[in-house]
Amino acid sequence: MPRLEWKIAAVSDLLAIIDYISDDNPDAAQALKGEIEEKVAGLSMNPQLYRVGRVDGTREMVVRPNYIVVYADNPEVVTILRVLHAAQLWP
């Protein structure tokens, strides 16, 4: 089973999203953070579950209609590359 690895950009993305939401609704921010972390934790069990990404070599997990986790995987590691709002363009 591959291990999980978060890139610094992905951690920064997640913290920025949570910070932005928490200005208006701290409970909603924490709920979203928990949901993202829970779904990411499941990637090591089945990394091929989600759609092929728009960038070669990536996959995209839609956490909620507006939040997307972009990741890459191989037999050894699932790398979380970015956590984006759907309105953001990547890369």
PDB file of N, CA and C in Angstrom:
ATOM      1  N   MET A   1       0.844  -1.176   0.000  1.00  0.00           N
ATOM      2  CA  MET A   1       0.000   0.000   0.000  1.00  0.00           C
ATOM      3  C   MET A   1       0.893   1.245   0.000  1.00  0.00           C
ATOM      4  N   PRO A   2       0.651   2.183  -0.923  1.00  0.00           N
ATOM      5  CA  PRO A   2       1.502   3.374  -0.990  1.00  0.00           C
ATOM      6  C   PRO A   2       1.295   4.299   0.212  1.00  0.00           C
ATOM      7  N   ARG A   3       2.342   5.028   0.553  1.00  0.00           N
ATOM      8  CA  ARG A   3       2.247   6.012   1.631  1.00  0.00           C
ATOM      9  C   ARG A   3       1.726   7.338   1.043  1.00  0.00           C
ATOM     10  N   LEU A   4       1.253   8.219   1.917  1.00  0.00           N
ATOM     11  CA  LEU A   4       0.789   9.542   1.508  1.00  0.00           C
ATOM     12  C   LEU A   4       1.880  10.573   1.741  1.00  0.00           C
ATOM     13  N   GLU A   5       1.980  11.496   0.815  1.00  0.00           N
ATOM     14  CA  GLU A   5       2.945  12.583   0.933  1.00  0.00           C
ATOM     15  C   GLU A   5       2.257  13.869   0.472  1.00  0.00           C
ATOM     16  N   TRP A   6       2.325  14.909   1.275  1.00  0.00           N
ATOM     17  CA  TRP A   6       1.762  16.216   0.922  1.00  0.00           C
ATOM     18  C   TRP A   6       2.891  17.141   0.476  1.00  0.00           C
ATOM     19  N   LYS A   7       2.756  17.727  -0.697  1.00  0.00           N
ATOM     20  CA  LYS A   7       3.689  18.766  -1.129  1.00  0.00           C
ATOM     21  C   LYS A   7       3.392  20.037  -0.344  1.00  0.00           C
ATOM     22  N   ILE A   8       4.393  20.880  -0.178  1.00  0.00           N
ATOM     23  CA  ILE A   8       4.226  22.130   0.565  1.00  0.00           C
ATOM     24  C   ILE A   8       3.125  22.984  -0.054  1.00  0.00           C
ATOM     25  N   ALA A   9       3.046  23.024  -1.377  1.00  0.00           N
ATOM     26  CA  ALA A   9       2.005  23.820  -2.042  1.00  0.00           C
ATOM     27  C   ALA A   9       0.607  23.338  -1.660  1.00  0.00           C
ATOM     28  N   ALA A  10       0.423  22.033  -1.527  1.00  0.00           N
ATOM     29  CA  ALA A  10      -0.885  21.478  -1.169  1.00  0.00           C
ATOM     30  C   ALA A  10      -1.261  21.842   0.259  1.00  0.00           C
ATOM     31  N   VAL A  11      -0.305  21.762   1.157  1.00  0.00           N
ATOM     32  CA  VAL A  11      -0.563  22.143   2.553  1.00  0.00           C
ATOM     33  C   VAL A  11      -0.916  23.628   2.611  1.00  0.00           C
ATOM     34  N   SER A  12      -0.173  24.448   1.883  1.00  0.00           N
ATOM     35  CA  SER A  12      -0.453  25.892   1.848  1.00  0.00           C
ATOM     36  C   SER A  12      -1.831  26.171   1.275  1.00  0.00           C
ATOM     37  N   ASP A  13      -2.180  25.450   0.214  1.00  0.00           N
ATOM     38  CA  ASP A  13      -3.517  25.611  -0.378  1.00  0.00           C
ATOM     39  C   ASP A  13      -4.604  25.319   0.646  1.00  0.00           C
ATOM     40  N   LEU A  14      -4.467  24.186   1.319  1.00  0.00           N
ATOM     41  CA  LEU A  14      -5.480  23.772   2.289  1.00  0.00           C
ATOM     42  C   LEU A  14      -5.600  24.798   3.411  1.00  0.00           C
ATOM     43  N   LEU A  15      -4.485  25.245   3.946  1.00  0.00           N
ATOM     44  CA  LEU A  15      -4.518  26.218   5.038  1.00  0.00           C
ATOM     45  C   LEU A  15      -5.131  27.546   4.590  1.00  0.00           C
ATOM     46  N   ALA A  16      -4.837  27.968   3.370  1.00  0.00           N
ATOM     47  CA  ALA A  16      -5.410  29.221   2.858  1.00  0.00           C
ATOM     48  C   ALA A  16      -6.926  29.109   2.687  1.00  0.00           C
ATOM     49  N   ILE A  17      -7.391  27.976   2.187  1.00  0.00           N
ATOM     50  CA  ILE A  17      -8.832  27.754   2.023  1.00  0.00           C
ATOM     51  C   ILE A  17      -9.518  27.771   3.384  1.00  0.00           C
ATOM     52  N   ILE A  18      -8.963  27.055   4.339  1.00  0.00           N
ATOM     53  CA  ILE A  18      -9.547  26.970   5.676  1.00  0.00           C
ATOM     54  C   ILE A  18      -9.540  28.348   6.339  1.00  0.00           C
ATOM     55  N   ASP A  19      -8.455  29.082   6.192  1.00  0.00           N
ATOM     56  CA  ASP A  19      -8.359  30.420   6.764  1.00  0.00           C
ATOM     57  C   ASP A  19      -9.425  31.342   6.182  1.00  0.00           C
ATOM     58  N   TYR A  20      -9.599  31.280   4.875  1.00  0.00           N
ATOM     59  CA  TYR A  20     -10.585  32.128   4.204  1.00  0.00           C
ATOM     60  C   TYR A  20     -12.001  31.814   4.695  1.00  0.00           C
ATOM     61  N   ILE A  21     -12.340  30.542   4.741  1.00  0.00           N
ATOM     62  CA  ILE A  21     -13.682  30.143   5.168  1.00  0.00           C
ATOM     63  C   ILE A  21     -13.900  30.466   6.646  1.00  0.00           C
ATOM     64  N   SER A  22     -12.874  30.290   7.457  1.00  0.00           N
ATOM     65  CA  SER A  22     -13.028  30.490   8.900  1.00  0.00           C
ATOM     66  C   SER A  22     -13.311  31.946   9.269  1.00  0.00           C
ATOM     67  N   ASP A  23     -12.997  32.878   8.387  1.00  0.00           N
ATOM     68  CA  ASP A  23     -13.334  34.277   8.655  1.00  0.00           C
ATOM     69  C   ASP A  23     -14.841  34.450   8.840  1.00  0.00           C
ATOM     70  N   ASP A  24     -15.634  33.689   8.082  1.00  0.00           N
ATOM     71  CA  ASP A  24     -17.093  33.769   8.166  1.00  0.00           C
ATOM     72  C   ASP A  24     -17.715  32.646   8.976  1.00  0.00           C
ATOM     73  N   ASN A  25     -17.089  31.452   8.929  1.00  0.00           N
ATOM     74  CA  ASN A  25     -17.722  30.304   9.564  1.00  0.00           C
ATOM     75  C   ASN A  25     -16.654  29.286  10.001  1.00  0.00           C
ATOM     76  N   PRO A  26     -16.121  29.458  11.198  1.00  0.00           N
ATOM     77  CA  PRO A  26     -15.060  28.553  11.670  1.00  0.00           C
ATOM     78  C   PRO A  26     -15.475  27.084  11.699  1.00  0.00           C
ATOM     79  N   ASP A  27     -16.725  26.807  12.042  1.00  0.00           N
ATOM     80  CA  ASP A  27     -17.176  25.414  12.087  1.00  0.00           C
ATOM     81  C   ASP A  27     -17.176  24.782  10.701  1.00  0.00           C
ATOM     82  N   ALA A  28     -17.636  25.537   9.714  1.00  0.00           N
ATOM     83  CA  ALA A  28     -17.641  25.033   8.337  1.00  0.00           C
ATOM     84  C   ALA A  28     -16.214  24.808   7.841  1.00  0.00           C
ATOM     85  N   ALA A  29     -15.313  25.696   8.228  1.00  0.00           N
ATOM     86  CA  ALA A  29     -13.910  25.561   7.825  1.00  0.00           C
ATOM     87  C   ALA A  29     -13.320  24.271   8.383  1.00  0.00           C
ATOM     88  N   GLN A  30     -13.555  23.996   9.656  1.00  0.00           N
ATOM     89  CA  GLN A  30     -13.025  22.780  10.265  1.00  0.00           C
ATOM     90  C   GLN A  30     -13.671  21.525   9.683  1.00  0.00           C
ATOM     91  N   ALA A  31     -14.966  21.616   9.360  1.00  0.00           N
ATOM     92  CA  ALA A  31     -15.650  20.471   8.751  1.00  0.00           C
ATOM     93  C   ALA A  31     -15.060  20.158   7.376  1.00  0.00           C
ATOM     94  N   LEU A  32     -14.785  21.195   6.587  1.00  0.00           N
ATOM     95  CA  LEU A  32     -14.189  20.989   5.266  1.00  0.00           C
ATOM     96  C   LEU A  32     -12.783  20.408   5.403  1.00  0.00           C
ATOM     97  N   LYS A  33     -11.997  20.939   6.323  1.00  0.00           N
ATOM     98  CA  LYS A  33     -10.637  20.426   6.543  1.00  0.00           C
ATOM     99  C   LYS A  33     -10.682  18.943   6.896  1.00  0.00           C
ATOM    100  N   GLY A  34     -11.574  18.585   7.805  1.00  0.00           N
ATOM    101  CA  GLY A  34     -11.709  17.188   8.197  1.00  0.00           C
ATOM    102  C   GLY A  34     -12.135  16.302   7.045  1.00  0.00           C
ATOM    103  N   GLU A  35     -13.057  16.788   6.227  1.00  0.00           N
ATOM    104  CA  GLU A  35     -13.530  16.009   5.079  1.00  0.00           C
ATOM    105  C   GLU A  35     -12.405  15.793   4.067  1.00  0.00           C
ATOM    106  N   ILE A  36     -11.648  16.841   3.779  1.00  0.00           N
ATOM    107  CA  ILE A  36     -10.532  16.712   2.842  1.00  0.00           C
ATOM    108  C   ILE A  36      -9.492  15.736   3.386  1.00  0.00           C
ATOM    109  N   GLU A  37      -9.117  15.892   4.641  1.00  0.00           N
ATOM    110  CA  GLU A  37      -8.107  15.007   5.227  1.00  0.00           C
ATOM    111  C   GLU A  37      -8.579  13.561   5.264  1.00  0.00           C
ATOM    112  N   GLU A  38      -9.846  13.341   5.552  1.00  0.00           N
ATOM    113  CA  GLU A  38     -10.386  11.978   5.586  1.00  0.00           C
ATOM    114  C   GLU A  38     -10.363  11.333   4.207  1.00  0.00           C
ATOM    115  N   LYS A  39     -10.786  12.090   3.187  1.00  0.00           N
ATOM    116  CA  LYS A  39     -10.797  11.528   1.833  1.00  0.00           C
ATOM    117  C   LYS A  39      -9.384  11.295   1.312  1.00  0.00           C
ATOM    118  N   VAL A  40      -8.470  12.195   1.617  1.00  0.00           N
ATOM    119  CA  VAL A  40      -7.077  12.015   1.206  1.00  0.00           C
ATOM    120  C   VAL A  40      -6.487  10.772   1.867  1.00  0.00           C
ATOM    121  N   ALA A  41      -6.796  10.553   3.124  1.00  0.00           N
ATOM    122  CA  ALA A  41      -6.282   9.379   3.829  1.00  0.00           C
ATOM    123  C   ALA A  41      -6.700   8.084   3.132  1.00  0.00           C
ATOM    124  N   GLY A  42      -7.853   8.070   2.508  1.00  0.00           N
ATOM    125  CA  GLY A  42      -8.330   6.885   1.801  1.00  0.00           C
ATOM    126  C   GLY A  42      -7.654   6.632   0.469  1.00  0.00           C
ATOM    127  N   LEU A  43      -6.914   7.611  -0.041  1.00  0.00           N
ATOM    128  CA  LEU A  43      -6.268   7.448  -1.343  1.00  0.00           C
ATOM    129  C   LEU A  43      -5.251   6.313  -1.356  1.00  0.00           C
ATOM    130  N   SER A  44      -4.588   6.076  -0.250  1.00  0.00           N
ATOM    131  CA  SER A  44      -3.578   5.010  -0.247  1.00  0.00           C
ATOM    132  C   SER A  44      -4.215   3.639  -0.444  1.00  0.00           C
ATOM    133  N   MET A  45      -5.485   3.510  -0.098  1.00  0.00           N
ATOM    134  CA  MET A  45      -6.196   2.238  -0.286  1.00  0.00           C
ATOM    135  C   MET A  45      -6.624   2.031  -1.746  1.00  0.00           C
ATOM    136  N   ASN A  46      -6.975   3.127  -2.433  1.00  0.00           N
ATOM    137  CA  ASN A  46      -7.484   3.017  -3.798  1.00  0.00           C
ATOM    138  C   ASN A  46      -7.192   4.298  -4.582  1.00  0.00           C
ATOM    139  N   PRO A  47      -5.937   4.529  -4.948  1.00  0.00           N
ATOM    140  CA  PRO A  47      -5.580   5.788  -5.612  1.00  0.00           C
ATOM    141  C   PRO A  47      -6.153   5.949  -7.019  1.00  0.00           C
ATOM    142  N   GLN A  48      -6.553   4.865  -7.646  1.00  0.00           N
ATOM    143  CA  GLN A  48      -7.083   4.943  -9.003  1.00  0.00           C
ATOM    144  C   GLN A  48      -8.591   5.222  -9.043  1.00  0.00           C
ATOM    145  N   LEU A  49      -9.186   5.441  -7.888  1.00  0.00           N
ATOM    146  CA  LEU A  49     -10.630   5.623  -7.789  1.00  0.00           C
ATOM    147  C   LEU A  49     -11.118   6.881  -8.496  1.00  0.00           C
ATOM    148  N   TYR A  50     -10.314   7.921  -8.514  1.00  0.00           N
ATOM    149  CA  TYR A  50     -10.769   9.217  -9.021  1.00  0.00           C
ATOM    150  C   TYR A  50     -10.306   9.478 -10.448  1.00  0.00           C
ATOM    151  N   ARG A  51     -10.905  10.502 -11.051  1.00  0.00           N
ATOM    152  CA  ARG A  51     -10.718  10.783 -12.481  1.00  0.00           C
ATOM    153  C   ARG A  51      -9.286  11.166 -12.828  1.00  0.00           C
ATOM    154  N   VAL A  52      -8.942  10.916 -14.070  1.00  0.00           N
ATOM    155  CA  VAL A  52      -7.650  11.322 -14.605  1.00  0.00           C
ATOM    156  C   VAL A  52      -7.624  12.845 -14.618  1.00  0.00           C
ATOM    157  N   GLY A  53      -6.492  13.413 -14.225  1.00  0.00           N
ATOM    158  CA  GLY A  53      -6.364  14.864 -14.129  1.00  0.00           C
ATOM    159  C   GLY A  53      -6.221  15.546 -15.472  1.00  0.00           C
ATOM    160  N   ARG A  54      -6.380  16.853 -15.433  1.00  0.00           N
ATOM    161  CA  ARG A  54      -6.223  17.666 -16.642  1.00  0.00           C
ATOM    162  C   ARG A  54      -4.761  17.839 -17.009  1.00  0.00           C
ATOM    163  N   VAL A  55      -3.860  17.601 -16.063  1.00  0.00           N
ATOM    164  CA  VAL A  55      -2.417  17.646 -16.314  1.00  0.00           C
ATOM    165  C   VAL A  55      -1.924  16.204 -16.353  1.00  0.00           C
ATOM    166  N   ASP A  56      -1.134  15.870 -17.382  1.00  0.00           N
ATOM    167  CA  ASP A  56      -0.630  14.501 -17.523  1.00  0.00           C
ATOM    168  C   ASP A  56       0.021  14.011 -16.232  1.00  0.00           C
ATOM    169  N   GLY A  57      -0.284  12.778 -15.887  1.00  0.00           N
ATOM    170  CA  GLY A  57       0.323  12.150 -14.730  1.00  0.00           C
ATOM    171  C   GLY A  57      -0.366  12.456 -13.416  1.00  0.00           C
ATOM    172  N   THR A  58      -1.494  13.157 -13.487  1.00  0.00           N
ATOM    173  CA  THR A  58      -2.214  13.488 -12.256  1.00  0.00           C
ATOM    174  C   THR A  58      -3.606  12.875 -12.259  1.00  0.00           C
ATOM    175  N   ARG A  59      -4.216  12.904 -11.077  1.00  0.00           N
ATOM    176  CA  ARG A  59      -5.610  12.508 -10.894  1.00  0.00           C
ATOM    177  C   ARG A  59      -6.267  13.595 -10.064  1.00  0.00           C
ATOM    178  N   GLU A  60      -7.601  13.675 -10.122  1.00  0.00           N
ATOM    179  CA  GLU A  60      -8.326  14.709  -9.406  1.00  0.00           C
ATOM    180  C   GLU A  60      -9.458  14.097  -8.593  1.00  0.00           C
ATOM    181  N   MET A  61      -9.447  14.392  -7.315  1.00  0.00           N
ATOM    182  CA  MET A  61     -10.505  13.951  -6.425  1.00  0.00           C
ATOM    183  C   MET A  61     -11.374  15.170  -6.108  1.00  0.00           C
ATOM    184  N   VAL A  62     -12.638  15.106  -6.489  1.00  0.00           N
ATOM    185  CA  VAL A  62     -13.567  16.175  -6.152  1.00  0.00           C
ATOM    186  C   VAL A  62     -14.104  15.888  -4.756  1.00  0.00           C
ATOM    187  N   VAL A  63     -13.749  16.746  -3.804  1.00  0.00           N
ATOM    188  CA  VAL A  63     -14.174  16.555  -2.424  1.00  0.00           C
ATOM    189  C   VAL A  63     -15.596  17.067  -2.252  1.00  0.00           C
ATOM    190  N   ARG A  64     -15.827  18.240  -2.750  1.00  0.00           N
ATOM    191  CA  ARG A  64     -17.146  18.858  -2.849  1.00  0.00           C
ATOM    192  C   ARG A  64     -17.149  19.504  -4.219  1.00  0.00           C
ATOM    193  N   PRO A  65     -18.292  19.901  -4.731  1.00  0.00           N
ATOM    194  CA  PRO A  65     -18.291  20.466  -6.088  1.00  0.00           C
ATOM    195  C   PRO A  65     -17.276  21.589  -6.299  1.00  0.00           C
ATOM    196  N   ASN A  66     -16.920  22.326  -5.264  1.00  0.00           N
ATOM    197  CA  ASN A  66     -15.993  23.443  -5.435  1.00  0.00           C
ATOM    198  C   ASN A  66     -14.566  23.175  -4.979  1.00  0.00           C
ATOM    199  N   TYR A  67     -14.254  21.987  -4.471  1.00  0.00           N
ATOM    200  CA  TYR A  67     -12.913  21.716  -3.949  1.00  0.00           C
ATOM    201  C   TYR A  67     -12.342  20.443  -4.550  1.00  0.00           C
ATOM    202  N   ILE A  68     -11.141  20.584  -5.109  1.00  0.00           N
ATOM    203  CA  ILE A  68     -10.497  19.501  -5.848  1.00  0.00           C
ATOM    204  C   ILE A  68      -9.109  19.250  -5.274  1.00  0.00           C
ATOM    205  N   VAL A  69      -8.804  17.981  -5.024  1.00  0.00           N
ATOM    206  CA  VAL A  69      -7.462  17.582  -4.602  1.00  0.00           C
ATOM    207  C   VAL A  69      -6.777  16.974  -5.823  1.00  0.00           C
ATOM    208  N   VAL A  70      -5.657  17.572  -6.216  1.00  0.00           N
ATOM    209  CA  VAL A  70      -4.876  17.087  -7.357  1.00  0.00           C
ATOM    210  C   VAL A  70      -3.725  16.261  -6.804  1.00  0.00           C
ATOM    211  N   TYR A  71      -3.566  15.048  -7.334  1.00  0.00           N
ATOM    212  CA  TYR A  71      -2.516  14.166  -6.815  1.00  0.00           C
ATOM    213  C   TYR A  71      -1.919  13.317  -7.928  1.00  0.00           C
ATOM    214  N   ALA A  72      -0.761  12.749  -7.623  1.00  0.00           N
ATOM    215  CA  ALA A  72      -0.091  11.800  -8.512  1.00  0.00           C
ATOM    216  C   ALA A  72       0.156  10.544  -7.685  1.00  0.00           C
ATOM    217  N   ASP A  73       0.190   9.409  -8.352  1.00  0.00           N
ATOM    218  CA  ASP A  73       0.399   8.172  -7.598  1.00  0.00           C
ATOM    219  C   ASP A  73       1.291   7.211  -8.355  1.00  0.00           C
ATOM    220  N   ASN A  74       1.948   6.383  -7.578  1.00  0.00           N
ATOM    221  CA  ASN A  74       2.693   5.243  -8.096  1.00  0.00           C
ATOM    222  C   ASN A  74       2.596   4.169  -7.024  1.00  0.00           C
ATOM    223  N   PRO A  75       3.146   2.987  -7.244  1.00  0.00           N
ATOM    224  CA  PRO A  75       2.991   1.918  -6.248  1.00  0.00           C
ATOM    225  C   PRO A  75       3.553   2.241  -4.865  1.00  0.00           C
ATOM    226  N   GLU A  76       4.463   3.197  -4.765  1.00  0.00           N
ATOM    227  CA  GLU A  76       5.098   3.502  -3.490  1.00  0.00           C
ATOM    228  C   GLU A  76       4.508   4.692  -2.751  1.00  0.00           C
ATOM    229  N   VAL A  77       3.984   5.686  -3.491  1.00  0.00           N
ATOM    230  CA  VAL A  77       3.549   6.922  -2.848  1.00  0.00           C
ATOM    231  C   VAL A  77       2.400   7.571  -3.614  1.00  0.00           C
ATOM    232  N   VAL A  78       1.478   8.150  -2.855  1.00  0.00           N
ATOM    233  CA  VAL A  78       0.443   9.031  -3.405  1.00  0.00           C
ATOM    234  C   VAL A  78       0.839  10.432  -2.954  1.00  0.00           C
ATOM    235  N   THR A  79       1.126  11.300  -3.918  1.00  0.00           N
ATOM    236  CA  THR A  79       1.603  12.647  -3.622  1.00  0.00           C
ATOM    237  C   THR A  79       0.485  13.656  -3.848  1.00  0.00           C
ATOM    238  N   ILE A  80       0.103  14.352  -2.790  1.00  0.00           N
ATOM    239  CA  ILE A  80      -0.912  15.393  -2.888  1.00  0.00           C
ATOM    240  C   ILE A  80      -0.199  16.643  -3.392  1.00  0.00           C
ATOM    241  N   LEU A  81      -0.583  17.082  -4.590  1.00  0.00           N
ATOM    242  CA  LEU A  81       0.107  18.183  -5.241  1.00  0.00           C
ATOM    243  C   LEU A  81      -0.517  19.536  -4.931  1.00  0.00           C
ATOM    244  N   ARG A  82      -1.840  19.608  -4.991  1.00  0.00           N
ATOM    245  CA  ARG A  82      -2.567  20.865  -4.764  1.00  0.00           C
ATOM    246  C   ARG A  82      -3.938  20.565  -4.183  1.00  0.00           C
ATOM    247  N   VAL A  83      -4.498  21.545  -3.489  1.00  0.00           N
ATOM    248  CA  VAL A  83      -5.884  21.520  -3.042  1.00  0.00           C
ATOM    249  C   VAL A  83      -6.458  22.841  -3.552  1.00  0.00           C
ATOM    250  N   LEU A  84      -7.395  22.734  -4.487  1.00  0.00           N
ATOM    251  CA  LEU A  84      -7.852  23.924  -5.201  1.00  0.00           C
ATOM    252  C   LEU A  84      -9.351  24.143  -5.086  1.00  0.00           C
ATOM    253  N   HIS A  85      -9.737  25.393  -5.166  1.00  0.00           N
ATOM    254  CA  HIS A  85     -11.141  25.740  -5.381  1.00  0.00           C
ATOM    255  C   HIS A  85     -11.359  25.543  -6.879  1.00  0.00           C
ATOM    256  N   ALA A  86     -12.531  25.085  -7.257  1.00  0.00           N
ATOM    257  CA  ALA A  86     -12.800  24.756  -8.664  1.00  0.00           C
ATOM    258  C   ALA A  86     -12.612  25.947  -9.591  1.00  0.00           C
ATOM    259  N   ALA A  87     -12.717  27.157  -9.075  1.00  0.00           N
ATOM    260  CA  ALA A  87     -12.533  28.344  -9.913  1.00  0.00           C
ATOM    261  C   ALA A  87     -11.068  28.632 -10.212  1.00  0.00           C
ATOM    262  N   GLN A  88     -10.161  27.978  -9.486  1.00  0.00           N
ATOM    263  CA  GLN A  88      -8.726  28.203  -9.712  1.00  0.00           C
ATOM    264  C   GLN A  88      -8.247  27.384 -10.898  1.00  0.00           C
ATOM    265  N   LEU A  89      -7.320  27.949 -11.638  1.00  0.00           N
ATOM    266  CA  LEU A  89      -6.700  27.212 -12.735  1.00  0.00           C
ATOM    267  C   LEU A  89      -5.405  26.608 -12.233  1.00  0.00           C
ATOM    268  N   TRP A  90      -5.096  25.424 -12.728  1.00  0.00           N
ATOM    269  CA  TRP A  90      -3.848  24.761 -12.354  1.00  0.00           C
ATOM    270  C   TRP A  90      -3.203  24.228 -13.602  1.00  0.00           C
ATOM    271  N   PRO A  91      -1.960  24.275 -13.805  1.00  0.00           N
ATOM    272  CA  PRO A  91      -0.890  24.663 -12.916  1.00  0.00           C
ATOM    273  C   PRO A  91      -0.667  26.134 -12.899  1.00  0.00           C
TER     274      PRO A  91
END
